[in-house]
């Protein structure tokens, strides 16, 4: 019998990476298969996050320093042999958010694990502090042992030592391409250290800092990064407090930056003046293709100047201005849709649009030939508004997705 090389076997088994039952059965065939399948199973281990055994293995891989905070909690496995493999060395994708459920299952007596969200919420509330300490230790271990991580998501870390380890790793790491950080309150010095890392980093292409209490000073640091970094293509900063000064700093950087294609400034309490600042960016920037400004306070004036910039901007294809109290600004949006040839996706959710405003958009759809996605959830189109949209679709053959809200949420896909 011809023996296949490991590379071929890996490609074959990788086709079953979402079928754990098959992969687990392959583990038992022979040592060669076992070594290959282990790599695939542990590349994204938290995809089977509910398993108690996963958390057990993580706890067995902790070193003495990482175990220290857990000893008094009496939750470490007792009299268990060390795992045969350095499993986390194969991990390429990890998000700490997915740890919580597995840790809760581990803390519950076997057979008493939660079976639905309500039960899970009750158990999590009961074990919350223990879950947090356990998670911090596991994250420390993963940052120490996982050298191949490409997609890394970290959030709700209470231990400053873990944050320090993360920042040190970013200086040296050459594999992480996507970094998603949420609900971590960085000190100013830590943000500055992060900025220093990003200026030198040539691998990270996507950065998300969500709900990290970033202000104008921190925004200035990120702006300095954009002046120098030439690999970052996606920057997401939702649910922060960047302020007018912060937006000014970022905008100045975007005048010169030619690599960033996606910018998310949702939930940042941006006002009219900030809308004007971003409009100037759209006049001059030639690389940004996606701009998300969901749930700010741009109002009709702020939205109007942004929409006006679209007459000259030929690269922006995705615009999210949902929940911005746009009011009369919808008239300018409708006019722009009749003329703009670049925009393909538009989000106008929760803008208190009534029948008249929806009819304006319907008229625009009769003429627009580029928009493929339009979402209008959380508005009040009424029967008349919805009818106008349906009639417009008889003339429009490019719109593929239309999301409407009328009594109940209706999603319609046209192909």
Protein backbone atom coordinates (compact mmCIF):
# COMPACT_ATOMS: atom_id res chain seq x y z
CA UNK A 1 0.00 0.00 0.00
CA UNK A 2 1.28 3.46 -0.92
CA UNK A 3 1.85 5.63 2.14
CA UNK A 4 0.64 9.21 1.77
CA UNK A 5 2.92 12.00 2.99
CA UNK A 6 1.81 13.98 6.04
CA UNK A 7 1.04 17.04 3.91
CA UNK A 8 -1.54 15.11 1.88
CA UNK A 9 -3.10 13.56 4.97
CA UNK A 10 -3.36 16.97 6.59
CA UNK A 11 -5.26 18.35 3.59
CA UNK A 12 -7.62 15.37 3.65
CA UNK A 13 -8.35 15.61 7.38
CA UNK A 14 -8.67 19.37 7.22
CA UNK A 15 -11.82 18.91 5.14
CA UNK A 16 -13.42 17.43 8.28
CA UNK A 17 -12.37 20.23 10.65
CA UNK A 18 -16.03 20.97 11.44
CA UNK A 19 -16.93 17.31 11.92
CA UNK A 20 -15.44 16.49 15.30
CA UNK A 21 -16.98 13.02 15.47
CA UNK A 22 -15.01 11.88 12.42
CA UNK A 23 -11.80 13.56 13.58
CA UNK A 24 -11.99 12.05 17.07
CA UNK A 25 -12.43 8.59 15.54
CA UNK A 26 -9.35 9.18 13.34
CA UNK A 27 -7.26 9.89 16.45
CA UNK A 28 -7.37 6.20 17.35
CA UNK A 29 -6.24 4.73 14.01
CA UNK A 30 -2.47 5.12 14.36
CA UNK A 31 0.19 7.51 15.65
CA UNK A 32 0.69 9.24 12.32
CA UNK A 33 -3.00 10.08 11.99
CA UNK A 34 -3.16 11.09 15.64
CA UNK A 35 -0.34 13.65 15.30
CA UNK A 36 -2.00 15.22 12.26
CA UNK A 37 -5.57 15.25 13.59
CA UNK A 38 -4.48 16.79 16.91
CA UNK A 39 -3.14 19.80 15.01
CA UNK A 40 -6.50 20.33 13.30
CA UNK A 41 -8.61 19.83 16.42
CA UNK A 42 -6.51 22.28 18.39
CA UNK A 43 -6.15 24.94 15.72
CA UNK A 44 -9.45 26.45 16.93
CA UNK A 45 -10.21 24.53 20.15
CA UNK A 46 -12.92 26.86 21.46
CA UNK A 47 -15.18 25.93 18.56
CA UNK A 48 -16.10 23.03 20.87
CA UNK A 49 -16.09 25.36 23.87
CA UNK A 50 -18.67 23.53 26.00
CA UNK A 51 -16.47 20.50 26.65
CA UNK A 52 -15.34 20.12 30.26
CA UNK A 53 -12.31 18.16 29.07
CA UNK A 54 -11.05 21.15 27.10
CA UNK A 55 -10.84 23.26 30.26
CA UNK A 56 -9.31 20.32 32.12
CA UNK A 57 -6.51 20.10 29.54
CA UNK A 58 -5.96 23.86 29.70
CA UNK A 59 -5.61 23.66 33.50
CA UNK A 60 -3.12 20.79 33.20
CA UNK A 61 -0.96 22.93 30.91
CA UNK A 62 -0.60 25.79 33.41
CA UNK A 63 2.83 26.43 34.90
CA UNK A 64 3.34 27.07 38.62
CA UNK A 65 2.91 30.84 38.31
CA UNK A 66 -0.34 30.45 36.35
CA UNK A 67 -1.65 27.88 38.85
CA UNK A 68 -0.95 30.06 41.90
CA UNK A 69 -4.19 32.13 41.84
CA UNK A 70 -6.24 28.91 41.47
CA UNK A 71 -4.76 26.79 44.26
CA UNK A 72 -6.94 28.27 47.00
CA UNK A 73 -10.03 27.80 44.80
CA UNK A 74 -9.51 24.03 44.77
CA UNK A 75 -10.54 23.62 41.13
CA UNK A 76 -7.33 22.23 39.62
CA UNK A 77 -7.39 18.61 38.37
CA UNK A 78 -5.91 16.28 40.97
CA UNK A 79 -3.48 13.40 40.29
CA UNK A 80 -3.78 13.79 36.53
CA UNK A 81 -0.84 13.06 34.18
CA UNK A 82 0.55 15.83 32.02
CA UNK A 83 -1.01 15.85 28.51
CA UNK A 84 0.85 13.91 25.82
CA UNK A 85 0.94 16.88 23.44
CA UNK A 86 1.62 20.58 23.84
CA UNK A 87 -1.86 21.09 22.47
CA UNK A 88 -1.91 24.89 22.56
CA UNK A 89 1.18 25.05 20.35
CA UNK A 90 -1.16 24.16 17.46
CA UNK A 91 -3.70 26.90 18.19
CA UNK A 92 -4.17 29.42 15.36
CA UNK A 93 -7.48 31.00 16.42
CA UNK A 94 -8.56 31.90 19.94
CA UNK A 95 -11.20 34.15 21.49
CA UNK A 96 -11.34 34.35 25.28
CA UNK A 97 -15.04 35.25 25.19
CA UNK A 98 -15.73 31.60 24.40
CA UNK A 99 -13.95 30.40 27.54
CA UNK A 100 -16.71 31.37 29.96
CA UNK A 101 -19.15 28.62 29.05
CA UNK A 102 -16.54 25.89 29.24
CA UNK A 103 -15.26 27.10 32.62
CA UNK A 104 -18.80 27.20 34.03
CA UNK A 105 -19.30 23.60 32.87
CA UNK A 106 -16.01 22.59 34.51
CA UNK A 107 -16.98 24.23 37.82
CA UNK A 108 -20.36 22.48 37.93
CA UNK A 109 -20.52 18.93 39.30
CA UNK A 110 -20.60 16.45 36.41
CA UNK A 111 -24.20 16.00 35.33
CA UNK A 112 -25.24 19.39 36.72
CA UNK A 113 -24.02 21.48 33.78
CA UNK A 114 -26.44 24.13 32.44
CA UNK A 115 -28.66 23.02 29.54
CA UNK A 116 -30.04 26.39 28.41
CA UNK A 117 -29.15 30.07 28.53
CA UNK A 118 -31.18 30.76 31.66
CA UNK A 119 -29.43 27.99 33.58
CA UNK A 120 -26.06 29.14 32.25
CA UNK A 121 -26.72 32.74 33.34
CA UNK A 122 -27.56 31.57 36.87
CA UNK A 123 -24.47 29.37 37.09
CA UNK A 124 -22.25 32.11 35.67
CA UNK A 125 -23.57 34.58 38.24
CA UNK A 126 -22.80 32.07 40.99
CA UNK A 127 -19.24 31.38 39.82
CA UNK A 128 -18.44 34.77 38.22
CA UNK A 129 -15.34 35.62 40.28
CA UNK A 130 -13.90 32.11 39.97
CA UNK A 131 -14.56 32.12 36.22
CA UNK A 132 -12.65 35.40 35.86
CA UNK A 133 -9.59 34.21 37.81
CA UNK A 134 -9.57 30.92 35.91
CA UNK A 135 -9.89 32.69 32.57
CA UNK A 136 -6.99 35.04 33.35
CA UNK A 137 -4.72 32.07 34.15
CA UNK A 138 -5.72 30.17 31.00
CA UNK A 139 -5.16 33.25 28.82
CA UNK A 140 -1.70 33.73 30.36
CA UNK A 141 -0.86 30.13 29.49
CA UNK A 142 -2.13 30.48 25.92
CA UNK A 143 -0.17 33.66 25.33
CA UNK A 144 2.94 31.88 26.61
CA UNK A 145 2.57 28.65 24.65
CA UNK A 146 0.70 29.50 21.44
CA UNK A 147 3.21 30.71 18.89
CA UNK A 148 1.08 30.20 15.78
CA UNK A 149 -2.01 32.26 16.65
CA UNK A 150 -3.29 34.29 13.70
CA UNK A 151 -6.68 35.39 15.05
CA UNK A 152 -6.63 36.52 18.69
CA UNK A 153 -9.59 37.85 20.64
CA UNK A 154 -9.18 38.93 24.27
CA UNK A 155 -11.65 40.59 26.58
CA UNK A 156 -12.70 41.26 30.16
CA UNK A 157 -9.24 40.65 31.59
CA UNK A 158 -8.83 41.76 35.20
CA UNK A 159 -5.21 40.77 35.74
CA UNK A 160 -2.75 43.52 34.75
CA UNK A 161 -0.06 40.86 34.38
CA UNK A 162 -2.01 39.31 31.50
CA UNK A 163 -2.27 42.68 29.75
CA UNK A 164 1.48 43.16 30.21
CA UNK A 165 2.17 39.72 28.69
CA UNK A 166 -0.06 40.58 25.71
CA UNK A 167 1.76 43.85 25.04
CA UNK A 168 5.16 42.15 25.31
CA UNK A 169 4.08 39.46 22.86
CA UNK A 170 2.89 42.01 20.30
CA UNK A 171 6.42 43.41 20.18
CA UNK A 172 7.82 40.03 19.18
CA UNK A 173 4.95 38.11 17.59
CA UNK A 174 5.06 37.65 13.83
CA UNK A 175 1.96 35.50 13.33
CA UNK A 176 -1.06 37.48 14.64
CA UNK A 177 -2.98 39.10 11.78
CA UNK A 178 -6.29 39.81 13.53
CA UNK A 179 -6.40 41.31 17.04
CA UNK A 180 -9.80 41.79 18.67
CA UNK A 181 -9.73 43.40 22.14
CA UNK A 182 -12.90 44.18 24.06
CA UNK A 183 -13.77 45.47 27.53
CA UNK A 184 -10.19 45.90 28.66
CA UNK A 185 -9.51 49.20 30.40
CA UNK A 186 -6.01 50.13 29.32
CA UNK A 187 -3.99 52.75 31.13
CA UNK A 188 -2.60 55.55 28.97
CA UNK A 189 0.88 54.01 29.25
CA UNK A 190 -0.46 50.65 28.09
CA UNK A 191 -2.09 52.25 25.05
CA UNK A 192 1.20 53.98 24.28
CA UNK A 193 3.00 50.63 24.52
CA UNK A 194 0.37 49.11 22.21
CA UNK A 195 0.94 51.98 19.77
CA UNK A 196 4.71 51.41 19.82
CA UNK A 197 4.12 47.74 19.02
CA UNK A 198 1.75 48.52 16.15
CA UNK A 199 4.15 51.00 14.59
CA UNK A 200 6.72 48.24 14.24
CA UNK A 201 4.32 45.36 13.60
CA UNK A 202 4.08 44.29 9.96
CA UNK A 203 1.64 41.41 10.38
CA UNK A 204 -1.55 42.72 12.02
CA UNK A 205 -4.03 43.71 9.33
CA UNK A 206 -7.15 44.03 11.50
CA UNK A 207 -7.38 45.73 14.91
CA UNK A 208 -10.48 46.08 17.06
CA UNK A 209 -10.56 47.93 20.38
CA UNK A 210 -14.15 47.74 21.57
CA UNK A 211 -15.41 49.29 24.80
CA UNK A 212 -11.89 50.04 26.03
CA UNK A 213 -12.68 53.55 27.33
CA UNK A 214 -10.39 55.16 24.76
CA UNK A 215 -10.44 58.96 24.76
CA UNK A 216 -8.90 61.71 22.65
CA UNK A 217 -5.37 61.11 24.01
CA UNK A 218 -5.54 57.44 23.11
CA UNK A 219 -6.99 58.33 19.69
CA UNK A 220 -3.94 60.52 19.08
CA UNK A 221 -1.68 57.52 19.69
CA UNK A 222 -3.67 55.42 17.21
CA UNK A 223 -3.49 58.28 14.70
CA UNK A 224 0.29 58.26 15.01
CA UNK A 225 0.18 54.53 14.26
CA UNK A 226 -1.79 55.20 11.07
CA UNK A 227 0.87 57.69 9.98
CA UNK A 228 3.55 54.97 10.07
CA UNK A 229 1.86 51.57 9.82
CA UNK A 230 1.39 50.33 6.26
CA UNK A 231 -0.16 46.90 6.90
CA UNK A 232 -3.31 47.73 8.90
CA UNK A 233 -6.37 47.57 6.65
CA UNK A 234 -9.15 47.45 9.25
CA UNK A 235 -9.49 49.63 12.38
CA UNK A 236 -12.56 49.17 14.58
CA UNK A 237 -13.06 51.44 17.61
CA UNK A 238 -16.72 51.04 18.63
CA UNK A 239 -18.11 52.00 22.05
CA UNK A 240 -15.38 54.40 23.10
CA UNK A 241 -15.17 58.12 23.91
CA UNK A 242 -12.85 59.42 21.22
CA UNK A 243 -14.26 62.96 21.29
CA UNK A 244 -13.85 65.75 18.76
CA UNK A 245 -10.08 66.03 19.25
CA UNK A 246 -9.68 62.29 18.77
CA UNK A 247 -11.64 62.36 15.51
CA UNK A 248 -9.55 65.31 14.31
CA UNK A 249 -6.33 63.37 14.99
CA UNK A 250 -7.56 60.25 13.22
CA UNK A 251 -8.80 62.29 10.27
CA UNK A 252 -5.43 63.99 9.83
CA UNK A 253 -3.83 60.56 9.66
CA UNK A 254 -6.39 59.32 7.14
CA UNK A 255 -5.53 62.15 4.74
CA UNK A 256 -2.17 60.45 4.19
CA UNK A 257 -2.87 56.80 4.99
CA UNK A 258 -3.38 54.74 1.83
CA UNK A 259 -3.80 51.23 3.25
CA UNK A 260 -6.75 51.41 5.68
CA UNK A 261 -9.95 50.24 3.98
CA UNK A 262 -12.33 49.75 6.94
CA UNK A 263 -13.05 52.17 9.80
CA UNK A 264 -15.66 51.61 12.53
CA UNK A 265 -16.47 54.53 14.86
CA UNK A 266 -19.87 53.31 16.02
CA UNK A 267 -21.16 54.28 19.48
CA UNK A 268 -18.70 57.15 19.99
CA UNK A 269 -21.15 60.01 20.59
CA UNK A 270 -19.99 61.80 17.44
CA UNK A 271 -21.83 65.03 16.67
CA UNK A 272 -22.36 67.40 13.74
CA UNK A 273 -18.82 68.77 13.84
CA UNK A 274 -17.37 65.26 13.79
CA UNK A 275 -19.52 64.48 10.75
CA UNK A 276 -18.02 67.51 9.01
CA UNK A 277 -14.52 66.35 9.92
CA UNK A 278 -15.13 62.87 8.49
CA UNK A 279 -16.68 64.34 5.35
CA UNK A 280 -13.39 66.14 4.65
CA UNK A 281 -11.64 62.78 4.93
CA UNK A 282 -13.97 61.24 2.36
CA UNK A 283 -13.18 64.07 -0.05
CA UNK A 284 -9.46 63.30 0.10
CA UNK A 285 -8.97 59.68 1.15
CA UNK A 286 -8.65 57.22 -1.72
CA UNK A 287 -8.50 53.88 0.10
CA UNK A 288 -11.39 53.76 2.62
CA UNK A 289 -14.13 51.47 1.30
CA UNK A 290 -16.16 50.91 4.49
CA UNK A 291 -17.21 53.48 7.11
CA UNK A 292 -19.39 52.53 10.09
CA UNK A 293 -20.87 55.33 12.19
CA UNK A 294 -23.76 53.46 13.79
CA UNK A 295 -25.45 54.96 16.86
CA UNK A 296 -23.84 58.37 17.06
CA UNK A 297 -25.45 61.81 17.17
CA UNK A 298 -24.63 63.11 13.70
CA UNK A 299 -28.15 64.42 13.11
CA UNK A 300 -29.39 65.61 9.72
CA UNK A 301 -26.58 68.19 9.36
CA UNK A 302 -23.76 65.77 10.15
CA UNK A 303 -25.17 63.13 7.82
CA UNK A 304 -25.80 65.72 5.09
CA UNK A 305 -22.12 66.72 4.80
CA UNK A 306 -21.04 63.08 4.75
CA UNK A 307 -23.54 62.30 2.00
CA UNK A 308 -22.44 65.37 0.05
CA UNK A 309 -18.87 64.05 0.02
CA UNK A 310 -20.09 60.91 -1.76
CA UNK A 311 -20.66 62.92 -4.93
CA UNK A 312 -16.87 63.13 -5.29
CA UNK A 313 -15.81 60.01 -3.43
CA UNK A 314 -15.62 57.04 -5.79
CA UNK A 315 -14.20 54.36 -3.49
CA UNK A 316 -16.51 54.13 -0.45
CA UNK A 317 -18.84 51.17 -0.99
CA UNK A 318 -20.23 50.53 2.51
CA UNK A 319 -21.77 53.19 4.75
CA UNK A 320 -23.48 52.55 8.09
CA UNK A 321 -25.28 55.61 9.51
CA UNK A 322 -27.98 53.76 11.41
CA UNK A 323 -29.40 55.27 14.61
CA UNK A 324 -28.16 58.81 13.94
CA UNK A 325 -31.38 60.84 14.04
CA UNK A 326 -30.96 61.80 10.40
CA UNK A 327 -34.45 63.27 9.98
CA UNK A 328 -34.59 65.47 6.88
CA UNK A 329 -31.16 64.24 5.87
CA UNK A 330 -32.87 61.35 4.13
CA UNK A 331 -33.68 63.69 1.21
CA UNK A 332 -29.96 64.19 0.57
CA UNK A 333 -29.40 60.46 0.88
CA UNK A 334 -32.08 59.78 -1.72
CA UNK A 335 -30.60 62.38 -4.08
CA UNK A 336 -27.13 60.88 -3.67
CA UNK A 337 -28.41 57.38 -4.43
CA UNK A 338 -29.66 58.68 -7.75
CA UNK A 339 -26.16 59.84 -8.70
CA UNK A 340 -23.54 58.01 -6.62
CA UNK A 341 -22.02 55.08 -8.50
CA UNK A 342 -19.84 53.57 -5.76
CA UNK A 343 -22.06 52.84 -2.74
CA UNK A 344 -23.24 49.21 -2.67
CA UNK A 345 -24.31 48.81 0.99
CA UNK A 346 -26.25 51.31 3.11
CA UNK A 347 -27.51 50.93 6.69
CA UNK A 348 -30.27 53.34 7.79
CA UNK A 349 -31.61 51.33 10.73
CA UNK A 350 -33.39 53.08 13.63
CA UNK A 351 -33.50 56.55 12.11
CA UNK A 352 -37.19 57.20 12.78
CA UNK A 353 -37.95 57.24 9.06
CA UNK A 354 -41.66 57.45 8.35
CA UNK A 355 -43.79 56.91 5.25
CA UNK A 356 -42.64 60.10 3.49
CA UNK A 357 -38.93 59.39 4.04
CA UNK A 358 -39.29 55.78 2.91
CA UNK A 359 -41.07 56.93 -0.24
CA UNK A 360 -38.12 59.25 -0.99
CA UNK A 361 -35.80 56.27 -0.77
CA UNK A 362 -38.12 54.19 -2.95
CA UNK A 363 -37.94 56.84 -5.69
CA UNK A 364 -34.15 56.73 -5.49
CA UNK A 365 -34.14 52.95 -5.85
CA UNK A 366 -35.97 53.32 -9.15
CA UNK A 367 -32.89 55.11 -10.52
CA UNK A 368 -30.00 53.64 -8.53
CA UNK A 369 -28.01 50.92 -10.32
CA UNK A 370 -25.29 50.06 -7.79
CA UNK A 371 -26.83 49.48 -4.35
CA UNK A 372 -27.03 45.77 -3.50
CA UNK A 373 -27.91 45.98 0.21
CA UNK A 374 -30.25 48.36 2.06
CA UNK A 375 -31.31 47.88 5.68
CA UNK A 376 -34.16 49.87 7.22
CA UNK A 377 -34.88 47.99 10.44
CA UNK A 378 -36.38 49.94 13.31
CA UNK A 379 -38.14 52.55 11.15
CA UNK A 380 -41.84 53.17 10.52
CA UNK A 381 -42.46 52.63 6.80
CA UNK A 382 -46.10 51.69 7.26
CA UNK A 383 -48.01 49.79 4.61
CA UNK A 384 -47.65 52.66 2.12
CA UNK A 385 -43.89 52.91 2.56
CA UNK A 386 -43.40 49.19 2.21
CA UNK A 387 -45.60 49.16 -0.88
CA UNK A 388 -43.50 51.95 -2.43
CA UNK A 389 -40.34 49.92 -1.81
CA UNK A 390 -41.86 46.82 -3.40
CA UNK A 391 -42.89 48.83 -6.46
CA UNK A 392 -39.38 50.28 -6.72
CA UNK A 393 -37.94 46.78 -6.75
CA UNK A 394 -39.92 46.03 -9.88
CA UNK A 395 -37.73 48.60 -11.63
CA UNK A 396 -34.50 47.98 -9.70
CA UNK A 397 -32.66 44.80 -10.66
CA UNK A 398 -29.44 45.32 -8.66
CA UNK A 399 -30.68 45.35 -5.05
CA UNK A 400 -30.16 41.86 -3.62
CA UNK A 401 -30.90 42.40 0.07
CA UNK A 402 -33.60 44.58 1.62
CA UNK A 403 -34.28 44.59 5.36
CA UNK A 404 -37.58 46.20 6.41
CA UNK A 405 -39.37 46.59 9.71
CA UNK A 406 -43.18 46.67 9.68
CA UNK A 407 -45.12 45.23 12.63
CA UNK A 408 -42.71 42.30 12.75
CA UNK A 409 -39.20 42.24 11.37
CA UNK A 410 -39.25 41.17 7.73
CA UNK A 411 -36.17 40.11 5.83
CA UNK A 412 -36.49 39.75 2.10
CA UNK A 413 -33.83 38.55 -0.26
CA UNK A 414 -34.23 39.26 -3.96
CA UNK A 415 -32.19 37.35 -6.51
